[in-house]
C-alpha atoms as a PDB file:
ATOM      1  CA  MET A   1     -90.090  -3.047  68.657  1.00  0.00           C
ATOM      2  CA  VAL A   2     -88.621   0.282  69.838  1.00  0.00           C
ATOM      3  CA  THR A   3     -85.328  -0.129  71.688  1.00  0.00           C
ATOM      4  CA  ASP A   4     -83.475   2.259  73.959  1.00  0.00           C
ATOM      5  CA  ALA A   5     -80.008   3.195  72.688  1.00  0.00           C
ATOM      6  CA  SER A   6     -78.718   3.182  76.282  1.00  0.00           C
ATOM      7  CA  ASN A   7     -79.955  -0.388  76.820  1.00  0.00           C
ATOM      8  CA  ALA A   8     -77.049  -2.208  75.188  1.00  0.00           C
ATOM      9  CA  ILE A   9     -76.476  -5.749  76.413  1.00  0.00           C
ATOM     10  CA  ILE A  10     -73.512  -6.355  74.089  1.00  0.00           C
ATOM     11  CA  GLU A  11     -70.889  -3.680  73.433  1.00  0.00           C
ATOM     12  CA  VAL A  12     -68.170  -4.189  70.827  1.00  0.00           C
ATOM     13  CA  ARG A  13     -65.437  -1.563  70.965  1.00  0.00           C
ATOM     14  CA  ALA A  14     -62.407  -1.059  68.700  1.00  0.00           C
ATOM     15  CA  LEU A  15     -62.586  -4.683  67.574  1.00  0.00           C
ATOM     16  CA  THR A  16     -59.744  -5.884  65.355  1.00  0.00           C
ATOM     17  CA  ASN A  17     -59.625  -9.265  63.633  1.00  0.00           C
ATOM     18  CA  ARG A  18     -56.842 -10.495  61.369  1.00  0.00           C
ATOM     19  CA  PHE A  19     -56.027 -13.644  59.448  1.00  0.00           C
ATOM     20  CA  GLY A  20     -52.314 -13.405  58.785  1.00  0.00           C
ATOM     21  CA  ASP A  21     -51.736 -10.106  57.013  1.00  0.00           C
ATOM     22  CA  PHE A  22     -55.393  -9.777  56.041  1.00  0.00           C
ATOM     23  CA  VAL A  23     -57.295  -7.355  58.311  1.00  0.00           C
ATOM     24  CA  VAL A  24     -60.993  -8.223  58.497  1.00  0.00           C
ATOM     25  CA  HIS A  25     -62.035  -5.693  61.170  1.00  0.00           C
ATOM     26  CA  GLU A  26     -60.230  -2.634  62.427  1.00  0.00           C
ATOM     27  CA  GLU A  27     -61.521  -0.460  65.280  1.00  0.00           C
ATOM     28  CA  LEU A  28     -65.047  -1.780  64.783  1.00  0.00           C
ATOM     29  CA  ASP A  29     -67.757  -0.569  67.193  1.00  0.00           C
ATOM     30  CA  LEU A  30     -71.261  -1.994  67.562  1.00  0.00           C
ATOM     31  CA  ASP A  31     -73.987  -2.356  70.211  1.00  0.00           C
ATOM     32  CA  ILE A  32     -76.774  -4.920  70.456  1.00  0.00           C
ATOM     33  CA  ARG A  33     -79.753  -3.672  72.428  1.00  0.00           C
ATOM     34  CA  ARG A  34     -82.084  -5.589  74.685  1.00  0.00           C
ATOM     35  CA  GLY A  35     -85.103  -6.969  72.842  1.00  0.00           C
ATOM     36  CA  GLU A  36     -84.114  -5.915  69.343  1.00  0.00           C
ATOM     37  CA  ILE A  37     -83.528  -7.855  66.149  1.00  0.00           C
ATOM     38  CA  LEU A  38     -80.329  -6.454  64.663  1.00  0.00           C
ATOM     39  CA  GLY A  39     -79.620  -7.407  61.062  1.00  0.00           C
ATOM     40  CA  VAL A  40     -75.958  -7.444  60.027  1.00  0.00           C
ATOM     41  CA  VAL A  41     -75.182  -7.064  56.325  1.00  0.00           C
ATOM     42  CA  GLY A  42     -72.168  -6.371  54.159  1.00  0.00           C
ATOM     43  CA  GLY A  43     -70.393  -7.474  51.041  1.00  0.00           C
ATOM     44  CA  SER A  44     -68.624 -10.803  50.664  1.00  0.00           C
ATOM     45  CA  GLY A  45     -65.493 -10.943  52.811  1.00  0.00           C
ATOM     46  CA  THR A  46     -66.478  -8.145  55.183  1.00  0.00           C
ATOM     47  CA  GLY A  47     -66.435 -10.506  58.157  1.00  0.00           C
ATOM     48  CA  LYS A  48     -70.075 -10.737  59.206  1.00  0.00           C
ATOM     49  CA  SER A  49     -69.723 -14.298  60.464  1.00  0.00           C
ATOM     50  CA  VAL A  50     -66.283 -13.520  61.922  1.00  0.00           C
ATOM     51  CA  LEU A  51     -67.901 -10.765  63.977  1.00  0.00           C
ATOM     52  CA  LEU A  52     -70.540 -13.196  65.244  1.00  0.00           C
ATOM     53  CA  ARG A  53     -67.858 -15.721  66.204  1.00  0.00           C
ATOM     54  CA  SER A  54     -65.872 -13.030  68.017  1.00  0.00           C
ATOM     55  CA  ILE A  55     -68.891 -12.034  70.088  1.00  0.00           C
ATOM     56  CA  VAL A  56     -69.859 -15.574  71.084  1.00  0.00           C
ATOM     57  CA  GLY A  57     -66.268 -16.464  71.974  1.00  0.00           C
ATOM     58  CA  LEU A  58     -65.421 -18.823  69.112  1.00  0.00           C
ATOM     59  CA  LYS A  59     -62.677 -16.487  67.866  1.00  0.00           C
ATOM     60  CA  ARG A  60     -60.385 -14.466  70.075  1.00  0.00           C
ATOM     61  CA  PRO A  61     -60.127 -10.904  68.714  1.00  0.00           C
ATOM     62  CA  ASP A  62     -56.717  -9.485  67.855  1.00  0.00           C
ATOM     63  CA  GLY A  63     -57.662  -6.227  69.530  1.00  0.00           C
ATOM     64  CA  GLY A  64     -60.492  -4.351  71.200  1.00  0.00           C
ATOM     65  CA  THR A  65     -63.115  -5.563  73.655  1.00  0.00           C
ATOM     66  CA  VAL A  66     -66.406  -7.424  73.647  1.00  0.00           C
ATOM     67  CA  ARG A  67     -68.543  -6.772  76.705  1.00  0.00           C
ATOM     68  CA  VAL A  68     -71.587  -8.989  77.207  1.00  0.00           C
ATOM     69  CA  PHE A  69     -74.037  -8.232  80.031  1.00  0.00           C
ATOM     70  CA  GLY A  70     -71.383  -5.817  81.323  1.00  0.00           C
ATOM     71  CA  GLU A  71     -68.610  -8.456  81.387  1.00  0.00           C
ATOM     72  CA  ASP A  72     -65.433  -8.411  79.267  1.00  0.00           C
ATOM     73  CA  LEU A  73     -65.313 -11.903  77.774  1.00  0.00           C
ATOM     74  CA  GLN A  74     -61.519 -11.973  77.575  1.00  0.00           C
ATOM     75  CA  ARG A  75     -61.090 -11.227  81.289  1.00  0.00           C
ATOM     76  CA  LEU A  76     -63.360 -13.934  82.659  1.00  0.00           C
ATOM     77  CA  THR A  77     -62.261 -17.199  84.199  1.00  0.00           C
ATOM     78  CA  PRO A  78     -63.193 -20.241  82.072  1.00  0.00           C
ATOM     79  CA  ALA A  79     -65.932 -21.226  84.513  1.00  0.00           C
ATOM     80  CA  HIS A  80     -67.447 -17.734  84.604  1.00  0.00           C
ATOM     81  CA  ARG A  81     -67.259 -17.473  80.844  1.00  0.00           C
ATOM     82  CA  THR A  82     -69.023 -20.802  80.413  1.00  0.00           C
ATOM     83  CA  ARG A  83     -71.856 -19.643  82.670  1.00  0.00           C
ATOM     84  CA  LEU A  84     -72.212 -16.420  80.696  1.00  0.00           C
ATOM     85  CA  GLU A  85     -72.163 -18.178  77.328  1.00  0.00           C
ATOM     86  CA  ARG A  86     -75.102 -20.321  78.435  1.00  0.00           C
ATOM     87  CA  ARG A  87     -77.143 -17.138  78.060  1.00  0.00           C
ATOM     88  CA  PHE A  88     -76.470 -17.302  74.281  1.00  0.00           C
ATOM     89  CA  GLY A  89     -78.204 -19.375  71.658  1.00  0.00           C
ATOM     90  CA  VAL A  90     -76.486 -19.917  68.310  1.00  0.00           C
ATOM     91  CA  LEU A  91     -77.879 -21.137  64.998  1.00  0.00           C
ATOM     92  CA  PHE A  92     -75.164 -21.784  62.421  1.00  0.00           C
ATOM     93  CA  GLN A  93     -75.787 -21.471  58.698  1.00  0.00           C
ATOM     94  CA  ARG A  94     -76.128 -25.187  57.976  1.00  0.00           C
ATOM     95  CA  GLY A  95     -77.866 -26.014  61.253  1.00  0.00           C
ATOM     96  CA  ALA A  96     -74.898 -28.011  62.659  1.00  0.00           C
ATOM     97  CA  LEU A  97     -77.210 -30.718  63.980  1.00  0.00           C
ATOM     98  CA  PHE A  98     -75.670 -34.042  64.947  1.00  0.00           C
ATOM     99  CA  THR A  99     -76.647 -36.438  62.165  1.00  0.00           C
ATOM    100  CA  SER A 100     -76.348 -39.474  64.446  1.00  0.00           C
ATOM    101  CA  LEU A 101     -78.999 -38.107  66.837  1.00  0.00           C
ATOM    102  CA  ASN A 102     -82.696 -37.568  66.278  1.00  0.00           C
ATOM    103  CA  LEU A 103     -84.199 -34.109  66.764  1.00  0.00           C
ATOM    104  CA  GLN A 104     -85.292 -34.727  70.329  1.00  0.00           C
ATOM    105  CA  GLU A 105     -81.785 -35.878  71.246  1.00  0.00           C
ATOM    106  CA  ASN A 106     -80.177 -32.920  69.450  1.00  0.00           C
ATOM    107  CA  VAL A 107     -82.246 -30.406  71.400  1.00  0.00           C
ATOM    108  CA  ALA A 108     -81.898 -32.291  74.695  1.00  0.00           C
ATOM    109  CA  LEU A 109     -78.098 -32.455  74.497  1.00  0.00           C
ATOM    110  CA  PRO A 110     -77.357 -28.904  75.777  1.00  0.00           C
ATOM    111  CA  LEU A 111     -79.763 -29.446  78.669  1.00  0.00           C
ATOM    112  CA  ILE A 112     -77.952 -32.626  79.692  1.00  0.00           C
ATOM    113  CA  GLU A 113     -74.422 -31.294  79.191  1.00  0.00           C
ATOM    114  CA  HIS A 114     -74.769 -27.736  80.504  1.00  0.00           C
ATOM    115  CA  VAL A 115     -77.621 -27.935  83.020  1.00  0.00           C
ATOM    116  CA  GLY A 116     -77.221 -31.509  84.190  1.00  0.00           C
ATOM    117  CA  LEU A 117     -80.819 -32.547  83.607  1.00  0.00           C
ATOM    118  CA  SER A 118     -81.700 -36.199  83.452  1.00  0.00           C
ATOM    119  CA  ARG A 119     -82.320 -37.546  79.962  1.00  0.00           C
ATOM    120  CA  PRO A 120     -86.111 -37.936  80.466  1.00  0.00           C
ATOM    121  CA  ASP A 121     -86.451 -34.346  81.747  1.00  0.00           C
ATOM    122  CA  ALA A 122     -84.218 -32.969  78.985  1.00  0.00           C
ATOM    123  CA  GLU A 123     -86.138 -34.810  76.291  1.00  0.00           C
ATOM    124  CA  ARG A 124     -89.464 -33.600  77.690  1.00  0.00           C
ATOM    125  CA  ILE A 125     -88.240 -29.995  77.424  1.00  0.00           C
ATOM    126  CA  ALA A 126     -86.808 -30.733  73.972  1.00  0.00           C
ATOM    127  CA  ARG A 127     -90.254 -31.741  72.744  1.00  0.00           C
ATOM    128  CA  VAL A 128     -91.638 -28.429  74.019  1.00  0.00           C
ATOM    129  CA  LYS A 129     -88.899 -26.485  72.174  1.00  0.00           C
ATOM    130  CA  LEU A 130     -89.551 -28.391  68.955  1.00  0.00           C
ATOM    131  CA  ALA A 131     -93.246 -27.578  69.244  1.00  0.00           C
ATOM    132  CA  LEU A 132     -92.379 -23.941  69.911  1.00  0.00           C
ATOM    133  CA  THR A 133     -90.722 -23.735  66.504  1.00  0.00           C
ATOM    134  CA  GLY A 134     -93.710 -25.234  64.757  1.00  0.00           C
ATOM    135  CA  LEU A 135     -92.450 -28.787  64.269  1.00  0.00           C
ATOM    136  CA  PRO A 136     -94.992 -31.605  64.749  1.00  0.00           C
ATOM    137  CA  PRO A 137     -94.590 -34.157  67.571  1.00  0.00           C
ATOM    138  CA  SER A 138     -93.823 -36.840  64.976  1.00  0.00           C
ATOM    139  CA  SER A 139     -90.588 -35.028  64.042  1.00  0.00           C
ATOM    140  CA  ALA A 140     -88.945 -35.674  67.425  1.00  0.00           C
ATOM    141  CA  GLY A 141     -87.758 -39.139  66.442  1.00  0.00           C
ATOM    142  CA  LEU A 142     -86.459 -38.141  62.998  1.00  0.00           C
ATOM    143  CA  ARG A 143     -82.825 -37.631  62.157  1.00  0.00           C
ATOM    144  CA  PRO A 144     -81.645 -34.494  60.315  1.00  0.00           C
ATOM    145  CA  ASP A 145     -81.054 -36.303  57.013  1.00  0.00           C
ATOM    146  CA  ALA A 146     -84.780 -37.112  56.841  1.00  0.00           C
ATOM    147  CA  LEU A 147     -85.819 -33.456  57.012  1.00  0.00           C
ATOM    148  CA  SER A 148     -86.457 -30.673  54.529  1.00  0.00           C
ATOM    149  CA  GLY A 149     -84.254 -27.591  54.692  1.00  0.00           C
ATOM    150  CA  GLY A 150     -86.948 -25.637  56.496  1.00  0.00           C
ATOM    151  CA  MET A 151     -87.387 -28.331  59.123  1.00  0.00           C
ATOM    152  CA  VAL A 152     -83.629 -28.443  59.712  1.00  0.00           C
ATOM    153  CA  LYS A 153     -83.619 -24.685  60.345  1.00  0.00           C
ATOM    154  CA  ARG A 154     -86.521 -24.985  62.786  1.00  0.00           C
ATOM    155  CA  ALA A 155     -84.867 -27.889  64.606  1.00  0.00           C
ATOM    156  CA  ALA A 156     -81.612 -25.934  64.844  1.00  0.00           C
ATOM    157  CA  LEU A 157     -83.589 -22.984  66.200  1.00  0.00           C
ATOM    158  CA  ALA A 158     -85.198 -25.264  68.800  1.00  0.00           C
ATOM    159  CA  ARG A 159     -81.745 -26.358  69.931  1.00  0.00           C
ATOM    160  CA  ALA A 160     -80.560 -22.727  70.055  1.00  0.00           C
ATOM    161  CA  LEU A 161     -83.545 -21.997  72.326  1.00  0.00           C
ATOM    162  CA  ALA A 162     -82.944 -25.002  74.578  1.00  0.00           C
ATOM    163  CA  LEU A 163     -81.327 -23.034  77.411  1.00  0.00           C
ATOM    164  CA  ASP A 164     -83.783 -20.092  77.222  1.00  0.00           C
ATOM    165  CA  PRO A 165     -81.130 -17.658  75.896  1.00  0.00           C
ATOM    166  CA  GLU A 166     -81.243 -13.919  76.338  1.00  0.00           C
ATOM    167  CA  VAL A 167     -79.454 -13.375  73.024  1.00  0.00           C
ATOM    168  CA  LEU A 168     -79.897 -15.440  69.881  1.00  0.00           C
ATOM    169  CA  PHE A 169     -77.164 -15.423  67.213  1.00  0.00           C
ATOM    170  CA  LEU A 170     -78.263 -16.502  63.741  1.00  0.00           C
ATOM    171  CA  ASP A 171     -75.896 -16.947  60.796  1.00  0.00           C
ATOM    172  CA  GLU A 172     -77.789 -16.798  57.479  1.00  0.00           C
ATOM    173  CA  PRO A 173     -80.832 -18.633  58.876  1.00  0.00           C
ATOM    174  CA  THR A 174     -82.844 -18.453  55.640  1.00  0.00           C
ATOM    175  CA  ALA A 175     -79.974 -19.458  53.308  1.00  0.00           C
ATOM    176  CA  GLY A 176     -81.036 -22.350  51.084  1.00  0.00           C
ATOM    177  CA  LEU A 177     -84.747 -21.980  51.844  1.00  0.00           C
ATOM    178  CA  ASP A 178     -87.353 -21.294  49.185  1.00  0.00           C
ATOM    179  CA  PRO A 179     -89.158 -17.914  49.490  1.00  0.00           C
ATOM    180  CA  ILE A 180     -92.171 -19.422  51.252  1.00  0.00           C
ATOM    181  CA  GLY A 181     -90.012 -21.272  53.778  1.00  0.00           C
ATOM    182  CA  ALA A 182     -87.856 -18.197  54.359  1.00  0.00           C
ATOM    183  CA  ALA A 183     -90.899 -15.996  54.962  1.00  0.00           C
ATOM    184  CA  ALA A 184     -92.315 -18.549  57.405  1.00  0.00           C
ATOM    185  CA  PHE A 185     -89.007 -18.597  59.299  1.00  0.00           C
ATOM    186  CA  ASP A 186     -88.979 -14.783  59.454  1.00  0.00           C
ATOM    187  CA  ARG A 187     -92.490 -14.748  60.920  1.00  0.00           C
ATOM    188  CA  LEU A 188     -91.541 -17.434  63.431  1.00  0.00           C
ATOM    189  CA  LEU A 189     -88.475 -15.486  64.569  1.00  0.00           C
ATOM    190  CA  THR A 190     -90.448 -12.288  65.103  1.00  0.00           C
ATOM    191  CA  THR A 191     -93.212 -14.130  66.951  1.00  0.00           C
ATOM    192  CA  LEU A 192     -90.756 -15.850  69.285  1.00  0.00           C
ATOM    193  CA  ARG A 193     -88.843 -12.638  69.947  1.00  0.00           C
ATOM    194  CA  ASP A 194     -92.064 -10.824  70.821  1.00  0.00           C
ATOM    195  CA  ALA A 195     -93.228 -13.687  73.060  1.00  0.00           C
ATOM    196  CA  LEU A 196     -89.943 -14.511  74.794  1.00  0.00           C
ATOM    197  CA  GLY A 197     -88.196 -11.131  74.772  1.00  0.00           C
ATOM    198  CA  PHE A 198     -84.729 -12.206  73.660  1.00  0.00           C
ATOM    199  CA  SER A 199     -82.386 -10.116  71.502  1.00  0.00           C
ATOM    200  CA  VAL A 200     -81.272 -11.280  68.054  1.00  0.00           C
ATOM    201  CA  PHE A 201     -77.987 -10.778  66.205  1.00  0.00           C
ATOM    202  CA  LEU A 202     -78.869 -11.803  62.658  1.00  0.00           C
ATOM    203  CA  VAL A 203     -76.277 -12.169  59.905  1.00  0.00           C
ATOM    204  CA  THR A 204     -78.121 -12.239  56.594  1.00  0.00           C
ATOM    205  CA  HIS A 205     -78.040 -11.293  52.928  1.00  0.00           C
ATOM    206  CA  ASP A 206     -81.822 -11.701  52.602  1.00  0.00           C
ATOM    207  CA  LEU A 207     -83.469  -8.342  51.946  1.00  0.00           C
ATOM    208  CA  ASP A 208     -86.932  -9.727  52.694  1.00  0.00           C
ATOM    209  CA  THR A 209     -85.698 -10.771  56.147  1.00  0.00           C
ATOM    210  CA  LEU A 210     -84.335  -7.285  56.809  1.00  0.00           C
ATOM    211  CA  TYR A 211     -87.623  -5.644  55.901  1.00  0.00           C
ATOM    212  CA  SER A 212     -89.851  -8.134  57.709  1.00  0.00           C
ATOM    213  CA  CYS A 213     -87.879  -8.695  60.932  1.00  0.00           C
ATOM    214  CA  CYS A 214     -85.222  -6.173  61.812  1.00  0.00           C
ATOM    215  CA  ASP A 215     -85.526  -3.230  64.172  1.00  0.00           C
ATOM    216  CA  ARG A 216     -82.078  -1.982  63.126  1.00  0.00           C
ATOM    217  CA  VAL A 217     -79.559  -2.840  60.431  1.00  0.00           C
ATOM    218  CA  ALA A 218     -75.767  -2.667  60.751  1.00  0.00           C
ATOM    219  CA  VAL A 219     -73.711  -2.382  57.554  1.00  0.00           C
ATOM    220  CA  ILE A 220     -70.106  -3.594  57.648  1.00  0.00           C
ATOM    221  CA  ALA A 221     -67.798  -1.949  55.103  1.00  0.00           C
ATOM    222  CA  ASP A 222     -64.125  -0.980  55.013  1.00  0.00           C
ATOM    223  CA  ARG A 223     -63.452  -3.146  58.109  1.00  0.00           C
ATOM    224  CA  ARG A 224     -65.857  -1.136  60.293  1.00  0.00           C
ATOM    225  CA  VAL A 225     -69.569  -0.651  60.910  1.00  0.00           C
ATOM    226  CA  LEU A 226     -70.533   1.979  58.370  1.00  0.00           C
ATOM    227  CA  ALA A 227     -73.923   2.545  60.000  1.00  0.00           C
ATOM    228  CA  ALA A 228     -76.275   0.926  62.494  1.00  0.00           C
ATOM    229  CA  ASP A 229     -79.760   2.389  62.431  1.00  0.00           C
ATOM    230  CA  THR A 230     -83.289   1.786  61.224  1.00  0.00           C
ATOM    231  CA  LEU A 231     -83.534   0.291  57.775  1.00  0.00           C
ATOM    232  CA  GLU A 232     -84.955   3.506  56.368  1.00  0.00           C
ATOM    233  CA  VAL A 233     -81.988   5.543  57.628  1.00  0.00           C
ATOM    234  CA  VAL A 234     -79.387   2.994  56.537  1.00  0.00           C
ATOM    235  CA  ALA A 235     -80.897   2.651  53.054  1.00  0.00           C
ATOM    236  CA  SER A 236     -80.604   6.414  52.551  1.00  0.00           C
ATOM    237  CA  ILE A 237     -76.814   6.502  53.126  1.00  0.00           C
ATOM    238  CA  ASP A 238     -74.786   7.760  50.154  1.00  0.00           C
ATOM    239  CA  ASP A 239     -72.481   4.782  49.746  1.00  0.00           C
ATOM    240  CA  PRO A 240     -71.946   2.696  46.569  1.00  0.00           C
ATOM    241  CA  TRP A 241     -72.537  -0.693  48.212  1.00  0.00           C
ATOM    242  CA  VAL A 242     -75.599   0.562  50.100  1.00  0.00           C
ATOM    243  CA  ARG A 243     -77.077   2.004  46.901  1.00  0.00           C
ATOM    244  CA  ASP A 244     -76.499  -1.202  44.943  1.00  0.00           C
ATOM    245  CA  TYR A 245     -77.818  -3.415  47.755  1.00  0.00           C
ATOM    246  CA  PHE A 246     -80.904  -1.509  48.869  1.00  0.00           C
ATOM    247  CA  HIS A 247     -81.874   0.263  45.653  1.00  0.00           C
ATOM    248  CA  GLY A 248     -81.202  -2.401  43.041  1.00  0.00           C
ATOM    249  CA  PRO A 249     -84.085  -4.439  41.588  1.00  0.00           C
ATOM    250  CA  ARG A 250     -84.186  -6.941  44.476  1.00  0.00           C
ATOM    251  CA  GLY A 251     -83.969  -4.194  47.073  1.00  0.00           C
ATOM    252  CA  ARG A 252     -86.833  -2.272  45.488  1.00  0.00           C
ATOM    253  CA  ALA A 253     -88.934  -5.436  45.306  1.00  0.00           C
ATOM    254  CA  ALA A 254     -88.330  -6.203  48.994  1.00  0.00           C
ATOM    255  CA  ALA A 255     -89.188  -2.609  49.959  1.00  0.00           C
ATOM    256  CA  ASP A 256     -92.392  -2.673  47.893  1.00  0.00           C
ATOM    257  CA  ALA A 257     -93.452  -5.972  49.471  1.00  0.00           C
ATOM    258  CA  ALA A 258     -92.849  -4.591  52.966  1.00  0.00           C
ATOM    259  CA  ARG A 259     -94.535  -1.231  52.421  1.00  0.00           C
ATOM    260  CA  PRO A 260     -98.009  -2.298  53.625  1.00  0.00           C
ATOM    261  CA  ARG A 261     -96.404  -3.239  56.966  1.00  0.00           C
ATOM    262  CA  MET A 262     -93.980  -0.339  57.238  1.00  0.00           C
ATOM    263  CA  GLY A 263     -96.029   2.518  55.809  1.00  0.00           C
ATOM    264  CA  PRO A 264     -94.848   5.012  53.166  1.00  0.00           C
ATOM    265  CA  SER A 265     -91.171   5.817  52.747  1.00  0.00           C
ATOM    266  CA  ARG A 266     -89.743   9.169  53.790  1.00  0.00           C
ATOM    267  CA  GLU A 267     -89.778  10.346  50.157  1.00  0.00           C
ATOM    268  CA  GLU A 268     -93.464   9.393  49.782  1.00  0.00           C
ATOM    269  CA  ARG A 269     -94.353  11.304  52.939  1.00  0.00           C
END
C-alpha cells in the first residue's frame, strides 16, 4: 500500500526515554502513516518495545511529545485520553490473554469494560472477531492453555481488534511460531489491514515478516531512528548493523523468498 508522507496519524518528536542513568531514546523522531504497516527493527536493547509502550501510553516519556490523531497524549485529561486510547489495539509478545477466561470471554472483555455492551452482545461480537482471525467456532470455549502458539496469537489479535481500532500495535507477533505459522500470521495481518484499513506499528526481528508485510521499515540505532523508509532504501544504508541484518545469510534468504512478490532489486534493474 502506498502511503502519503503528509498523512501521519502518530507523530513522535524529540522523544527521550531513560531508565536511571541509561538513556534508551534521545531526540527520537518517527511518524506512523494512515493505512501503512510500519516495521520497527533494531538491535537488542535499542528500545523497540519501549517506544511502543511510550506511544500507547504505558510509559511516560522523559522528554519530547507523542501526538496521536493530532492530540498530545501528555496534555489530555484522563477521560479524554481513555477515549483516544480506545482507538488503539495492542497485541503483546506473549498474547497476554487471561488464562482463567475462554477465548470468547477474553475478546468480549474490552467490549464490556470500555463500551458497556451487555455480555450476550459482547460475546456475539467476540465470536465474529475470532472468526475474522481464522479461528474455528469451536475455539470460542477454549482457554488459552489449550491452544497452540499460533492459535494464541490469533486469539490475541482478535482481542486487539475488538474495539475496531484505527491503529494496531504488535510486539513480536510471530515470536515463537514455526515458519509456517509465522507466514500464515503475516498473510492474515496483511489481509485484515487491506480489508479494514487500520495502520500497524509492528515491532519485529523477523525478516520474512518485513519482506512480506511492511510498507516501510524504521531502524532504531544509537538511541534514534536511523532511517524510516521502504525496505529497499533502508537495506541499502551504509551502516554496520543494517549490513549484518539485511545482507547476512538470513537476510539474503528472506529477500530471495520475497523477490517474486517484490520484483527485482535496484541492483538487478
